[in-house]
Amino acid sequence: MLTAHRTQLGLTQSEYAALLGVSQPYLSQLESNRRPLTKKLKAKLAEAFKSTGLPLELSETELDEDTLAGTLAALGYPGFAHLPKAPMLNPAVLVLECLRKDNLDVREVEALPWLLSRFRDLNLEWLSAHAKLHNLQNRLAFLAALANQIRPKPHLQRLLKQLEPARLAAEQTLCQDNMPNPLRAWMREERTALATHWNLLTRLDTQSVARWIQPHDN
């Protein structure tokens, strides 16, 4: 079972072991049936992968911010652990539900690099195609690149390769379209090189989100 799933995801033993929070030699023993699959590890597998099997379908109307925050909590985002949990969505769907909002609480925007980093078996083809369909590729790629700068991962790099050729020249904000013009002018001068590359007006950087990805993302 483990070998089949790892092969389906296109991960090496080292990458898959990191996803499960075990060592590569221990994973090798599990795959060769020299060690039993413990209840704790079975639970971790179920938690990690059950959400990515949920339907890939955006809602007809945008979800409200309380629902988005509750869904992030349900998917295990440490920053919202104190919030009531909403019904889970496929993580790929949740990313686009957040990114298609004109204005979104900055705390929810900061959660998205963790989400992209955490779920390595995201349906990248669906995510990339629907981001392009809704002109969200710059927002998505910026967040994926931010997560990859903190902790490089193959699935993030594959996503960036899919999005780079479709980079939009038009300037956007990172879900902060109510930003006043004086702030836009200041942001244009003060944004990072990564935000400039993706034509986004934002001050979000690795320091803003690394506290969640580094200690919690295995």
N, C-alpha and C. Protein backbone atom coordinates (compact mmCIF):
# COMPACT_ATOMS: atom_id res chain seq x y z
N MET A 1 0.82 -1.21 0.00
CA MET A 1 0.00 0.00 0.00
C MET A 1 0.86 1.26 0.00
N LEU A 2 1.84 1.31 0.89
CA LEU A 2 2.69 2.50 0.96
C LEU A 2 3.48 2.70 -0.32
N THR A 3 4.05 1.64 -0.86
CA THR A 3 4.84 1.76 -2.09
C THR A 3 3.97 2.23 -3.24
N ALA A 4 2.76 1.67 -3.34
CA ALA A 4 1.86 2.05 -4.43
C ALA A 4 1.48 3.52 -4.34
N HIS A 5 1.19 3.98 -3.12
CA HIS A 5 0.80 5.39 -2.96
C HIS A 5 1.98 6.32 -3.22
N ARG A 6 3.16 5.93 -2.74
CA ARG A 6 4.35 6.76 -2.98
C ARG A 6 4.64 6.86 -4.47
N THR A 7 4.52 5.76 -5.19
CA THR A 7 4.76 5.75 -6.63
C THR A 7 3.74 6.63 -7.35
N GLN A 8 2.50 6.57 -6.90
CA GLN A 8 1.44 7.39 -7.51
C GLN A 8 1.76 8.87 -7.36
N LEU A 9 2.34 9.24 -6.23
CA LEU A 9 2.68 10.65 -5.99
C LEU A 9 3.98 11.06 -6.66
N GLY A 10 4.75 10.08 -7.14
CA GLY A 10 6.03 10.40 -7.77
C GLY A 10 7.08 10.85 -6.79
N LEU A 11 7.07 10.30 -5.57
CA LEU A 11 8.00 10.72 -4.53
C LEU A 11 9.07 9.65 -4.30
N THR A 12 10.24 10.09 -3.95
CA THR A 12 11.29 9.18 -3.52
C THR A 12 10.98 8.69 -2.11
N GLN A 13 11.71 7.67 -1.68
CA GLN A 13 11.52 7.20 -0.30
C GLN A 13 11.82 8.30 0.70
N SER A 14 12.86 9.07 0.46
CA SER A 14 13.23 10.16 1.38
C SER A 14 12.12 11.20 1.47
N GLU A 15 11.55 11.58 0.31
CA GLU A 15 10.49 12.58 0.29
C GLU A 15 9.23 12.06 0.98
N TYR A 16 8.90 10.80 0.72
CA TYR A 16 7.70 10.22 1.31
C TYR A 16 7.88 10.02 2.81
N ALA A 17 9.09 9.63 3.22
CA ALA A 17 9.37 9.48 4.64
C ALA A 17 9.21 10.81 5.37
N ALA A 18 9.70 11.89 4.74
CA ALA A 18 9.56 13.22 5.35
C ALA A 18 8.09 13.60 5.48
N LEU A 19 7.28 13.22 4.49
CA LEU A 19 5.85 13.50 4.53
C LEU A 19 5.18 12.81 5.72
N LEU A 20 5.62 11.59 6.00
CA LEU A 20 5.03 10.81 7.09
C LEU A 20 5.68 11.10 8.44
N GLY A 21 6.80 11.81 8.43
CA GLY A 21 7.49 12.11 9.68
C GLY A 21 8.29 10.95 10.23
N VAL A 22 8.81 10.08 9.33
CA VAL A 22 9.64 8.96 9.74
C VAL A 22 10.96 9.02 8.97
N SER A 23 11.91 8.18 9.35
CA SER A 23 13.19 8.15 8.64
C SER A 23 13.07 7.30 7.38
N GLN A 24 13.97 7.54 6.42
CA GLN A 24 13.95 6.75 5.19
C GLN A 24 14.20 5.26 5.45
N PRO A 25 15.16 4.88 6.32
CA PRO A 25 15.33 3.45 6.62
C PRO A 25 14.08 2.81 7.23
N TYR A 26 13.40 3.56 8.09
CA TYR A 26 12.17 3.02 8.70
C TYR A 26 11.10 2.81 7.63
N LEU A 27 10.97 3.78 6.70
CA LEU A 27 10.00 3.62 5.61
C LEU A 27 10.35 2.41 4.76
N SER A 28 11.63 2.20 4.49
CA SER A 28 12.06 1.05 3.71
C SER A 28 11.63 -0.26 4.37
N GLN A 29 11.73 -0.31 5.69
CA GLN A 29 11.31 -1.50 6.43
C GLN A 29 9.80 -1.68 6.37
N LEU A 30 9.06 -0.57 6.40
CA LEU A 30 7.61 -0.65 6.29
C LEU A 30 7.20 -1.17 4.92
N GLU A 31 7.85 -0.65 3.88
CA GLU A 31 7.48 -1.03 2.52
C GLU A 31 7.82 -2.50 2.23
N SER A 32 8.83 -3.00 2.89
CA SER A 32 9.22 -4.40 2.67
C SER A 32 8.59 -5.34 3.70
N ASN A 33 7.63 -4.79 4.48
CA ASN A 33 6.90 -5.59 5.48
C ASN A 33 7.80 -6.14 6.59
N ARG A 34 8.93 -5.49 6.82
CA ARG A 34 9.80 -5.89 7.92
C ARG A 34 9.42 -5.19 9.22
N ARG A 35 8.60 -4.16 9.12
CA ARG A 35 8.06 -3.47 10.29
C ARG A 35 6.55 -3.32 10.10
N PRO A 36 5.76 -3.43 11.16
CA PRO A 36 4.31 -3.28 11.02
C PRO A 36 3.92 -1.81 10.91
N LEU A 37 2.81 -1.55 10.25
CA LEU A 37 2.27 -0.21 10.15
C LEU A 37 1.47 0.06 11.43
N THR A 38 1.94 0.95 12.27
CA THR A 38 1.32 1.19 13.57
C THR A 38 0.00 1.95 13.42
N LYS A 39 -0.82 1.89 14.47
CA LYS A 39 -2.09 2.62 14.46
C LYS A 39 -1.85 4.12 14.33
N LYS A 40 -0.80 4.60 14.99
CA LYS A 40 -0.50 6.02 14.93
C LYS A 40 -0.15 6.45 13.50
N LEU A 41 0.63 5.63 12.81
CA LEU A 41 1.02 5.96 11.45
C LEU A 41 -0.16 5.81 10.50
N LYS A 42 -1.00 4.82 10.75
CA LYS A 42 -2.21 4.68 9.93
C LYS A 42 -3.10 5.91 10.07
N ALA A 43 -3.23 6.42 11.29
CA ALA A 43 -4.04 7.60 11.52
C ALA A 43 -3.44 8.81 10.82
N LYS A 44 -2.10 8.90 10.84
CA LYS A 44 -1.43 10.03 10.19
C LYS A 44 -1.63 9.96 8.67
N LEU A 45 -1.56 8.76 8.11
CA LEU A 45 -1.81 8.58 6.68
C LEU A 45 -3.22 9.00 6.32
N ALA A 46 -4.18 8.58 7.11
CA ALA A 46 -5.57 8.91 6.83
C ALA A 46 -5.80 10.40 6.91
N GLU A 47 -5.22 11.05 7.91
CA GLU A 47 -5.39 12.49 8.08
C GLU A 47 -4.74 13.26 6.96
N ALA A 48 -3.57 12.79 6.52
CA ALA A 48 -2.81 13.51 5.50
C ALA A 48 -3.45 13.42 4.13
N PHE A 49 -4.11 12.28 3.83
CA PHE A 49 -4.54 12.04 2.46
C PHE A 49 -6.05 12.02 2.24
N LYS A 50 -6.85 11.98 3.30
CA LYS A 50 -8.29 11.89 3.08
C LYS A 50 -8.85 13.15 2.42
N SER A 51 -8.29 14.31 2.76
CA SER A 51 -8.83 15.56 2.23
C SER A 51 -8.57 15.73 0.74
N THR A 52 -7.45 15.21 0.23
CA THR A 52 -7.14 15.39 -1.17
C THR A 52 -7.97 14.48 -2.06
N GLY A 53 -8.75 13.59 -1.44
CA GLY A 53 -9.69 12.78 -2.22
C GLY A 53 -11.07 13.40 -2.30
N LEU A 54 -11.26 14.55 -1.66
CA LEU A 54 -12.55 15.24 -1.71
C LEU A 54 -12.77 15.85 -3.09
N PRO A 55 -14.02 16.18 -3.43
CA PRO A 55 -14.33 16.68 -4.79
C PRO A 55 -13.53 17.93 -5.17
N LEU A 56 -13.19 18.01 -6.44
CA LEU A 56 -12.49 19.17 -7.00
C LEU A 56 -13.53 20.04 -7.72
N GLU A 57 -14.16 20.90 -6.94
CA GLU A 57 -15.23 21.72 -7.49
C GLU A 57 -15.35 23.01 -6.69
N LEU A 58 -15.25 24.14 -7.39
CA LEU A 58 -15.41 25.43 -6.74
C LEU A 58 -16.89 25.71 -6.49
N SER A 59 -17.16 26.46 -5.44
CA SER A 59 -18.55 26.81 -5.13
C SER A 59 -19.06 27.82 -6.14
N GLU A 60 -20.38 27.83 -6.34
CA GLU A 60 -20.97 28.77 -7.29
C GLU A 60 -20.87 30.20 -6.79
N THR A 61 -20.93 30.39 -5.51
CA THR A 61 -20.74 31.71 -4.91
C THR A 61 -19.56 31.62 -3.95
N GLU A 62 -18.86 32.73 -3.79
CA GLU A 62 -17.68 32.73 -2.93
C GLU A 62 -18.05 32.40 -1.49
N LEU A 63 -17.19 31.64 -0.83
CA LEU A 63 -17.40 31.29 0.56
C LEU A 63 -17.05 32.46 1.47
N ASP A 64 -17.76 32.59 2.59
CA ASP A 64 -17.45 33.68 3.51
C ASP A 64 -16.18 33.36 4.29
N GLU A 65 -15.61 34.39 4.90
CA GLU A 65 -14.30 34.25 5.54
C GLU A 65 -14.34 33.33 6.76
N ASP A 66 -15.44 33.32 7.50
CA ASP A 66 -15.52 32.41 8.64
C ASP A 66 -15.46 30.96 8.19
N THR A 67 -16.11 30.65 7.07
CA THR A 67 -16.08 29.28 6.55
C THR A 67 -14.68 28.92 6.09
N LEU A 68 -14.00 29.85 5.41
CA LEU A 68 -12.65 29.59 4.94
C LEU A 68 -11.70 29.36 6.12
N ALA A 69 -11.83 30.18 7.15
CA ALA A 69 -10.97 30.02 8.32
C ALA A 69 -11.25 28.69 9.02
N GLY A 70 -12.54 28.33 9.14
CA GLY A 70 -12.89 27.07 9.77
C GLY A 70 -12.42 25.87 8.99
N THR A 71 -12.41 25.99 7.67
CA THR A 71 -11.92 24.89 6.83
C THR A 71 -10.41 24.75 6.96
N LEU A 72 -9.70 25.86 7.05
CA LEU A 72 -8.26 25.80 7.31
C LEU A 72 -7.99 25.12 8.65
N ALA A 73 -8.80 25.42 9.64
CA ALA A 73 -8.66 24.76 10.95
C ALA A 73 -8.90 23.26 10.82
N ALA A 74 -9.92 22.88 10.04
CA ALA A 74 -10.24 21.46 9.87
C ALA A 74 -9.11 20.70 9.16
N LEU A 75 -8.38 21.39 8.30
CA LEU A 75 -7.27 20.77 7.59
C LEU A 75 -5.98 20.76 8.40
N GLY A 76 -6.03 21.32 9.60
CA GLY A 76 -4.89 21.22 10.51
C GLY A 76 -3.99 22.42 10.57
N TYR A 77 -4.40 23.58 10.02
CA TYR A 77 -3.53 24.76 10.06
C TYR A 77 -3.30 25.19 11.51
N PRO A 78 -2.07 25.18 11.98
CA PRO A 78 -1.79 25.46 13.40
C PRO A 78 -2.23 26.85 13.84
N GLY A 79 -2.19 27.82 12.93
CA GLY A 79 -2.54 29.18 13.30
C GLY A 79 -4.01 29.36 13.62
N PHE A 80 -4.86 28.43 13.17
CA PHE A 80 -6.30 28.51 13.44
C PHE A 80 -6.78 27.34 14.31
N ALA A 81 -5.88 26.74 15.06
CA ALA A 81 -6.23 25.58 15.87
C ALA A 81 -7.31 25.91 16.90
N HIS A 82 -7.43 27.19 17.26
CA HIS A 82 -8.40 27.60 18.28
C HIS A 82 -9.79 27.82 17.72
N LEU A 83 -9.94 27.80 16.39
CA LEU A 83 -11.23 28.11 15.78
C LEU A 83 -12.10 26.87 15.65
N PRO A 84 -13.43 27.07 15.63
CA PRO A 84 -14.33 25.94 15.34
C PRO A 84 -14.06 25.43 13.93
N LYS A 85 -14.11 24.12 13.78
CA LYS A 85 -13.80 23.52 12.48
C LYS A 85 -15.04 23.49 11.59
N ALA A 86 -14.86 23.89 10.33
CA ALA A 86 -15.90 23.79 9.32
C ALA A 86 -15.71 22.49 8.55
N PRO A 87 -16.69 22.07 7.74
CA PRO A 87 -16.50 20.87 6.91
C PRO A 87 -15.27 21.02 6.02
N MET A 88 -14.54 19.94 5.84
CA MET A 88 -13.31 19.99 5.06
C MET A 88 -13.61 20.15 3.57
N LEU A 89 -12.70 20.82 2.89
CA LEU A 89 -12.69 20.91 1.43
C LEU A 89 -11.39 20.29 0.94
N ASN A 90 -11.37 19.89 -0.32
CA ASN A 90 -10.11 19.51 -0.94
C ASN A 90 -9.16 20.71 -0.83
N PRO A 91 -7.92 20.51 -0.36
CA PRO A 91 -7.00 21.65 -0.19
C PRO A 91 -6.81 22.48 -1.46
N ALA A 92 -6.81 21.83 -2.63
CA ALA A 92 -6.66 22.57 -3.87
C ALA A 92 -7.84 23.52 -4.09
N VAL A 93 -9.03 23.05 -3.73
CA VAL A 93 -10.22 23.89 -3.84
C VAL A 93 -10.15 25.05 -2.86
N LEU A 94 -9.73 24.76 -1.64
CA LEU A 94 -9.66 25.81 -0.62
C LEU A 94 -8.69 26.91 -1.02
N VAL A 95 -7.56 26.54 -1.61
CA VAL A 95 -6.60 27.56 -2.06
C VAL A 95 -7.26 28.52 -3.04
N LEU A 96 -7.96 27.99 -4.04
CA LEU A 96 -8.57 28.86 -5.04
C LEU A 96 -9.78 29.61 -4.48
N GLU A 97 -10.52 28.99 -3.55
CA GLU A 97 -11.63 29.70 -2.91
C GLU A 97 -11.10 30.95 -2.19
N CYS A 98 -9.94 30.83 -1.57
CA CYS A 98 -9.34 31.98 -0.91
C CYS A 98 -8.83 33.00 -1.92
N LEU A 99 -8.11 32.53 -2.93
CA LEU A 99 -7.44 33.44 -3.85
C LEU A 99 -8.38 34.18 -4.77
N ARG A 100 -9.58 33.67 -4.98
CA ARG A 100 -10.49 34.38 -5.88
C ARG A 100 -11.28 35.47 -5.18
N LYS A 101 -11.07 35.63 -3.88
CA LYS A 101 -11.73 36.72 -3.16
C LYS A 101 -10.97 38.02 -3.40
N ASP A 102 -11.71 39.07 -3.67
CA ASP A 102 -11.07 40.37 -3.91
C ASP A 102 -10.36 40.86 -2.65
N ASN A 103 -10.98 40.61 -1.51
CA ASN A 103 -10.40 41.03 -0.23
C ASN A 103 -10.52 39.89 0.76
N LEU A 104 -9.41 39.59 1.42
CA LEU A 104 -9.35 38.45 2.33
C LEU A 104 -8.50 38.84 3.53
N ASP A 105 -8.93 38.43 4.71
CA ASP A 105 -8.17 38.70 5.92
C ASP A 105 -6.73 38.23 5.74
N VAL A 106 -5.78 39.06 6.10
CA VAL A 106 -4.36 38.76 5.89
C VAL A 106 -3.94 37.48 6.60
N ARG A 107 -4.60 37.15 7.71
CA ARG A 107 -4.25 35.93 8.43
C ARG A 107 -4.59 34.68 7.62
N GLU A 108 -5.62 34.76 6.81
CA GLU A 108 -5.97 33.64 5.95
C GLU A 108 -5.04 33.56 4.76
N VAL A 109 -4.63 34.71 4.24
CA VAL A 109 -3.64 34.71 3.16
C VAL A 109 -2.34 34.09 3.64
N GLU A 110 -1.93 34.43 4.86
CA GLU A 110 -0.69 33.89 5.42
C GLU A 110 -0.75 32.37 5.62
N ALA A 111 -1.95 31.80 5.70
CA ALA A 111 -2.09 30.36 5.90
C ALA A 111 -1.85 29.57 4.61
N LEU A 112 -1.99 30.21 3.45
CA LEU A 112 -1.97 29.48 2.18
C LEU A 112 -0.61 28.87 1.83
N PRO A 113 0.52 29.52 2.11
CA PRO A 113 1.79 28.82 1.86
C PRO A 113 1.91 27.54 2.67
N TRP A 114 1.43 27.54 3.91
CA TRP A 114 1.42 26.31 4.71
C TRP A 114 0.58 25.24 4.02
N LEU A 115 -0.59 25.63 3.54
CA LEU A 115 -1.49 24.68 2.90
C LEU A 115 -0.84 24.07 1.66
N LEU A 116 -0.23 24.91 0.84
CA LEU A 116 0.42 24.42 -0.38
C LEU A 116 1.60 23.52 -0.05
N SER A 117 2.33 23.83 1.01
CA SER A 117 3.48 23.03 1.40
C SER A 117 3.08 21.73 2.04
N ARG A 118 2.03 21.75 2.83
CA ARG A 118 1.63 20.60 3.64
C ARG A 118 1.11 19.43 2.80
N PHE A 119 0.29 19.72 1.79
CA PHE A 119 -0.37 18.66 1.03
C PHE A 119 0.37 18.40 -0.27
N ARG A 120 1.26 17.41 -0.23
CA ARG A 120 2.12 17.14 -1.39
C ARG A 120 1.39 16.43 -2.52
N ASP A 121 0.25 15.82 -2.22
CA ASP A 121 -0.47 15.12 -3.28
C ASP A 121 -1.62 15.95 -3.83
N LEU A 122 -1.48 17.26 -3.81
CA LEU A 122 -2.44 18.14 -4.47
C LEU A 122 -2.56 17.77 -5.95
N ASN A 123 -3.75 17.90 -6.49
CA ASN A 123 -3.94 17.70 -7.93
C ASN A 123 -3.43 18.96 -8.64
N LEU A 124 -2.16 18.93 -9.00
CA LEU A 124 -1.51 20.13 -9.55
C LEU A 124 -2.10 20.53 -10.89
N GLU A 125 -2.51 19.55 -11.69
CA GLU A 125 -3.05 19.87 -13.00
C GLU A 125 -4.37 20.63 -12.85
N TRP A 126 -5.23 20.15 -11.97
CA TRP A 126 -6.50 20.84 -11.73
C TRP A 126 -6.25 22.23 -11.15
N LEU A 127 -5.38 22.31 -10.17
CA LEU A 127 -5.10 23.58 -9.50
C LEU A 127 -4.53 24.59 -10.48
N SER A 128 -3.57 24.18 -11.28
CA SER A 128 -2.96 25.08 -12.25
C SER A 128 -3.96 25.53 -13.30
N ALA A 129 -4.73 24.59 -13.84
CA ALA A 129 -5.68 24.91 -14.90
C ALA A 129 -6.76 25.87 -14.42
N HIS A 130 -7.29 25.64 -13.22
CA HIS A 130 -8.36 26.51 -12.73
C HIS A 130 -7.82 27.85 -12.23
N ALA A 131 -6.59 27.88 -11.79
CA ALA A 131 -5.98 29.18 -11.46
C ALA A 131 -5.88 30.04 -12.72
N LYS A 132 -5.45 29.43 -13.81
CA LYS A 132 -5.34 30.17 -15.07
C LYS A 132 -6.72 30.59 -15.58
N LEU A 133 -7.71 29.72 -15.43
CA LEU A 133 -9.06 30.02 -15.88
C LEU A 133 -9.62 31.25 -15.18
N HIS A 134 -9.25 31.43 -13.92
CA HIS A 134 -9.77 32.56 -13.13
C HIS A 134 -8.73 33.68 -12.98
N ASN A 135 -7.64 33.62 -13.76
CA ASN A 135 -6.59 34.64 -13.71
C ASN A 135 -5.99 34.79 -12.31
N LEU A 136 -5.79 33.66 -11.66
CA LEU A 136 -5.22 33.65 -10.31
C LEU A 136 -3.81 33.08 -10.28
N GLN A 137 -3.22 32.86 -11.45
CA GLN A 137 -1.92 32.17 -11.48
C GLN A 137 -0.82 32.97 -10.80
N ASN A 138 -0.86 34.30 -10.87
CA ASN A 138 0.19 35.08 -10.22
C ASN A 138 0.10 34.95 -8.70
N ARG A 139 -1.11 35.03 -8.18
CA ARG A 139 -1.30 34.88 -6.74
C ARG A 139 -0.86 33.49 -6.28
N LEU A 140 -1.30 32.47 -6.99
CA LEU A 140 -0.97 31.09 -6.62
C LEU A 140 0.53 30.85 -6.70
N ALA A 141 1.16 31.29 -7.78
CA ALA A 141 2.59 31.03 -7.96
C ALA A 141 3.42 31.77 -6.92
N PHE A 142 3.03 32.98 -6.58
CA PHE A 142 3.77 33.72 -5.56
C PHE A 142 3.76 32.97 -4.23
N LEU A 143 2.61 32.47 -3.83
CA LEU A 143 2.50 31.75 -2.57
C LEU A 143 3.25 30.42 -2.60
N ALA A 144 3.19 29.74 -3.75
CA ALA A 144 3.94 28.48 -3.89
C ALA A 144 5.44 28.75 -3.83
N ALA A 145 5.87 29.83 -4.48
CA ALA A 145 7.30 30.17 -4.46
C ALA A 145 7.75 30.56 -3.06
N LEU A 146 6.88 31.24 -2.33
CA LEU A 146 7.20 31.63 -0.96
C LEU A 146 7.39 30.38 -0.09
N ALA A 147 6.47 29.43 -0.21
CA ALA A 147 6.58 28.19 0.54
C ALA A 147 7.83 27.42 0.15
N ASN A 148 8.15 27.43 -1.14
CA ASN A 148 9.31 26.69 -1.62
C ASN A 148 10.62 27.32 -1.16
N GLN A 149 10.63 28.62 -0.98
CA GLN A 149 11.82 29.28 -0.45
C GLN A 149 12.08 28.85 1.00
N ILE A 150 11.02 28.64 1.75
CA ILE A 150 11.16 28.24 3.15
C ILE A 150 11.58 26.79 3.26
N ARG A 151 10.92 25.93 2.52
CA ARG A 151 11.24 24.49 2.53
C ARG A 151 10.99 23.94 1.13
N PRO A 152 12.04 23.83 0.32
CA PRO A 152 11.87 23.35 -1.07
C PRO A 152 11.23 21.96 -1.12
N LYS A 153 10.27 21.81 -2.02
CA LYS A 153 9.59 20.53 -2.18
C LYS A 153 9.29 20.30 -3.66
N PRO A 154 9.41 19.08 -4.11
CA PRO A 154 9.22 18.79 -5.54
C PRO A 154 7.87 19.20 -6.08
N HIS A 155 6.79 19.02 -5.31
CA HIS A 155 5.48 19.34 -5.86
C HIS A 155 5.31 20.85 -6.03
N LEU A 156 5.93 21.63 -5.17
CA LEU A 156 5.88 23.09 -5.34
C LEU A 156 6.66 23.51 -6.58
N GLN A 157 7.78 22.88 -6.80
CA GLN A 157 8.59 23.21 -7.97
C GLN A 157 7.89 22.81 -9.26
N ARG A 158 7.16 21.69 -9.24
CA ARG A 158 6.39 21.30 -10.42
C ARG A 158 5.27 22.29 -10.70
N LEU A 159 4.62 22.75 -9.65
CA LEU A 159 3.56 23.73 -9.81
C LEU A 159 4.09 25.03 -10.40
N LEU A 160 5.23 25.48 -9.92
CA LEU A 160 5.82 26.72 -10.43
C LEU A 160 6.20 26.60 -11.90
N LYS A 161 6.67 25.43 -12.32
CA LYS A 161 7.00 25.22 -13.73
C LYS A 161 5.75 25.31 -14.60
N GLN A 162 4.62 24.88 -14.07
CA GLN A 162 3.38 24.95 -14.82
C GLN A 162 2.85 26.38 -14.92
N LEU A 163 3.13 27.20 -13.91
CA LEU A 163 2.56 28.54 -13.85
C LEU A 163 3.45 29.62 -14.47
N GLU A 164 4.74 29.43 -14.45
CA GLU A 164 5.66 30.46 -14.94
C GLU A 164 5.35 30.91 -16.37
N PRO A 165 5.10 30.00 -17.33
CA PRO A 165 4.81 30.47 -18.70
C PRO A 165 3.52 31.26 -18.82
N ALA A 166 2.63 31.15 -17.82
CA ALA A 166 1.35 31.84 -17.88
C ALA A 166 1.32 33.10 -17.02
N ARG A 167 2.49 33.55 -16.60
CA ARG A 167 2.55 34.73 -15.71
C ARG A 167 1.89 35.94 -16.37
N LEU A 168 1.01 36.61 -15.62
CA LEU A 168 0.27 37.75 -16.13
C LEU A 168 1.08 39.03 -15.96
N ALA A 169 0.96 39.91 -16.95
CA ALA A 169 1.67 41.19 -16.89
C ALA A 169 0.91 42.22 -16.08
N ALA A 170 -0.40 42.02 -15.95
CA ALA A 170 -1.22 42.99 -15.22
C ALA A 170 -0.93 42.94 -13.73
N GLU A 171 -0.86 44.10 -13.13
CA GLU A 171 -0.59 44.20 -11.70
C GLU A 171 -1.83 43.81 -10.90
N GLN A 172 -1.62 43.06 -9.82
CA GLN A 172 -2.70 42.66 -8.92
C GLN A 172 -2.27 42.87 -7.48
N THR A 173 -3.25 42.79 -6.59
CA THR A 173 -2.93 42.71 -5.16
C THR A 173 -3.08 41.24 -4.74
N LEU A 174 -2.63 40.93 -3.55
CA LEU A 174 -2.81 39.58 -3.02
C LEU A 174 -4.06 39.58 -2.15
N CYS A 175 -5.21 39.60 -2.85
CA CYS A 175 -6.52 39.58 -2.19
C CYS A 175 -6.73 40.80 -1.29
N GLN A 176 -6.22 41.95 -1.73
CA GLN A 176 -6.40 43.20 -0.99
C GLN A 176 -6.77 44.32 -1.96
N ASP A 177 -7.83 44.09 -2.76
CA ASP A 177 -8.17 45.03 -3.82
C ASP A 177 -8.74 46.35 -3.31
N ASN A 178 -9.11 46.43 -2.03
CA ASN A 178 -9.57 47.70 -1.47
C ASN A 178 -8.41 48.59 -1.02
N MET A 179 -7.19 48.20 -1.35
CA MET A 179 -6.01 48.98 -0.98
C MET A 179 -6.06 50.38 -1.60
N PRO A 180 -5.94 51.44 -0.80
CA PRO A 180 -5.99 52.80 -1.36
C PRO A 180 -4.77 53.09 -2.24
N ASN A 181 -4.92 54.03 -3.14
CA ASN A 181 -3.86 54.34 -4.11
C ASN A 181 -2.53 54.75 -3.47
N PRO A 182 -2.52 55.60 -2.42
CA PRO A 182 -1.22 55.94 -1.80
C PRO A 182 -0.49 54.70 -1.28
N LEU A 183 -1.24 53.76 -0.71
CA LEU A 183 -0.62 52.53 -0.21
C LEU A 183 -0.13 51.68 -1.37
N ARG A 184 -0.87 51.67 -2.47
CA ARG A 184 -0.43 50.93 -3.65
C ARG A 184 0.92 51.46 -4.14
N ALA A 185 1.05 52.78 -4.17
CA ALA A 185 2.29 53.39 -4.63
C ALA A 185 3.45 53.03 -3.71
N TRP A 186 3.21 53.06 -2.42
CA TRP A 186 4.25 52.70 -1.45
C TRP A 186 4.61 51.23 -1.59
N MET A 187 3.59 50.38 -1.73
CA MET A 187 3.81 48.94 -1.84
C MET A 187 4.62 48.61 -3.09
N ARG A 188 4.36 49.33 -4.15
CA ARG A 188 5.07 49.10 -5.41
C ARG A 188 6.58 49.31 -5.24
N GLU A 189 6.94 50.23 -4.37
CA GLU A 189 8.35 50.52 -4.12
C GLU A 189 8.97 49.59 -3.08
N GLU A 190 8.17 49.10 -2.16
CA GLU A 190 8.70 48.37 -1.01
C GLU A 190 8.56 46.85 -1.11
N ARG A 191 7.86 46.34 -2.09
CA ARG A 191 7.63 44.89 -2.19
C ARG A 191 8.93 44.15 -2.49
N THR A 192 8.90 42.86 -2.24
CA THR A 192 10.08 42.02 -2.46
C THR A 192 10.29 41.75 -3.95
N ALA A 193 11.45 41.22 -4.27
CA ALA A 193 11.73 40.86 -5.67
C ALA A 193 10.77 39.78 -6.15
N LEU A 194 10.40 38.87 -5.26
CA LEU A 194 9.47 37.80 -5.64
C LEU A 194 8.09 38.38 -5.97
N ALA A 195 7.62 39.31 -5.16
CA ALA A 195 6.33 39.95 -5.43
C ALA A 195 6.40 40.76 -6.73
N THR A 196 7.53 41.40 -6.98
CA THR A 196 7.70 42.14 -8.23
C THR A 196 7.64 41.21 -9.43
N HIS A 197 8.30 40.06 -9.32
CA HIS A 197 8.31 39.09 -10.43
C HIS A 197 6.90 38.65 -10.78
N TRP A 198 6.05 38.46 -9.76
CA TRP A 198 4.69 38.00 -10.00
C TRP A 198 3.68 39.15 -10.06
N ASN A 199 4.19 40.37 -10.18
CA ASN A 199 3.35 41.56 -10.39
C ASN A 199 2.26 41.70 -9.33
N LEU A 200 2.66 41.50 -8.07
CA LEU A 200 1.73 41.60 -6.97
C LEU A 200 2.11 42.74 -6.03
N LEU A 201 1.10 43.44 -5.55
CA LEU A 201 1.31 44.46 -4.53
C LEU A 201 1.06 43.82 -3.18
N THR A 202 2.12 43.41 -2.52
CA THR A 202 2.02 42.76 -1.23
C THR A 202 3.36 42.86 -0.51
N ARG A 203 3.29 42.86 0.82
CA ARG A 203 4.50 42.83 1.62
C ARG A 203 4.70 41.47 2.27
N LEU A 204 3.89 40.51 1.90
CA LEU A 204 4.05 39.16 2.45
C LEU A 204 5.40 38.60 2.06
N ASP A 205 6.10 38.02 3.03
CA ASP A 205 7.42 37.46 2.77
C ASP A 205 7.61 36.19 3.60
N THR A 206 8.78 35.57 3.45
CA THR A 206 9.01 34.30 4.14
C THR A 206 8.94 34.45 5.65
N GLN A 207 9.37 35.58 6.17
CA GLN A 207 9.35 35.78 7.62
C GLN A 207 7.92 35.75 8.16
N SER A 208 6.96 36.17 7.34
CA SER A 208 5.57 36.23 7.78
C SER A 208 4.95 34.85 7.96
N VAL A 209 5.44 33.87 7.22
CA VAL A 209 4.77 32.56 7.21
C VAL A 209 5.66 31.41 7.67
N ALA A 210 6.96 31.65 7.80
CA ALA A 210 7.89 30.55 8.12
C ALA A 210 7.62 29.94 9.49
N ARG A 211 7.08 30.71 10.41
CA ARG A 211 6.86 30.18 11.78
C ARG A 211 5.90 29.00 11.76
N TRP A 212 5.00 28.95 10.77
CA TRP A 212 4.07 27.83 10.71
C TRP A 212 4.65 26.68 9.91
N ILE A 213 5.32 26.96 8.80
CA ILE A 213 5.81 25.90 7.94
C ILE A 213 6.97 25.16 8.59
N GLN A 214 7.91 25.85 9.15
CA GLN A 214 9.12 25.19 9.66
C GLN A 214 8.88 24.26 10.83
N PRO A 215 8.17 24.68 11.88
CA PRO A 215 8.04 23.75 13.00
C PRO A 215 6.95 22.70 12.85
N HIS A 216 5.98 22.95 11.96
CA HIS A 216 4.81 22.08 11.92
C HIS A 216 4.73 21.22 10.68
N ASP A 217 5.42 21.59 9.59
CA ASP A 217 5.27 20.87 8.33
C ASP A 217 6.35 19.80 8.20
N ASN A 218 6.01 18.56 8.34
CA ASN A 218 6.98 17.47 8.28
C ASN A 218 7.11 16.95 6.87
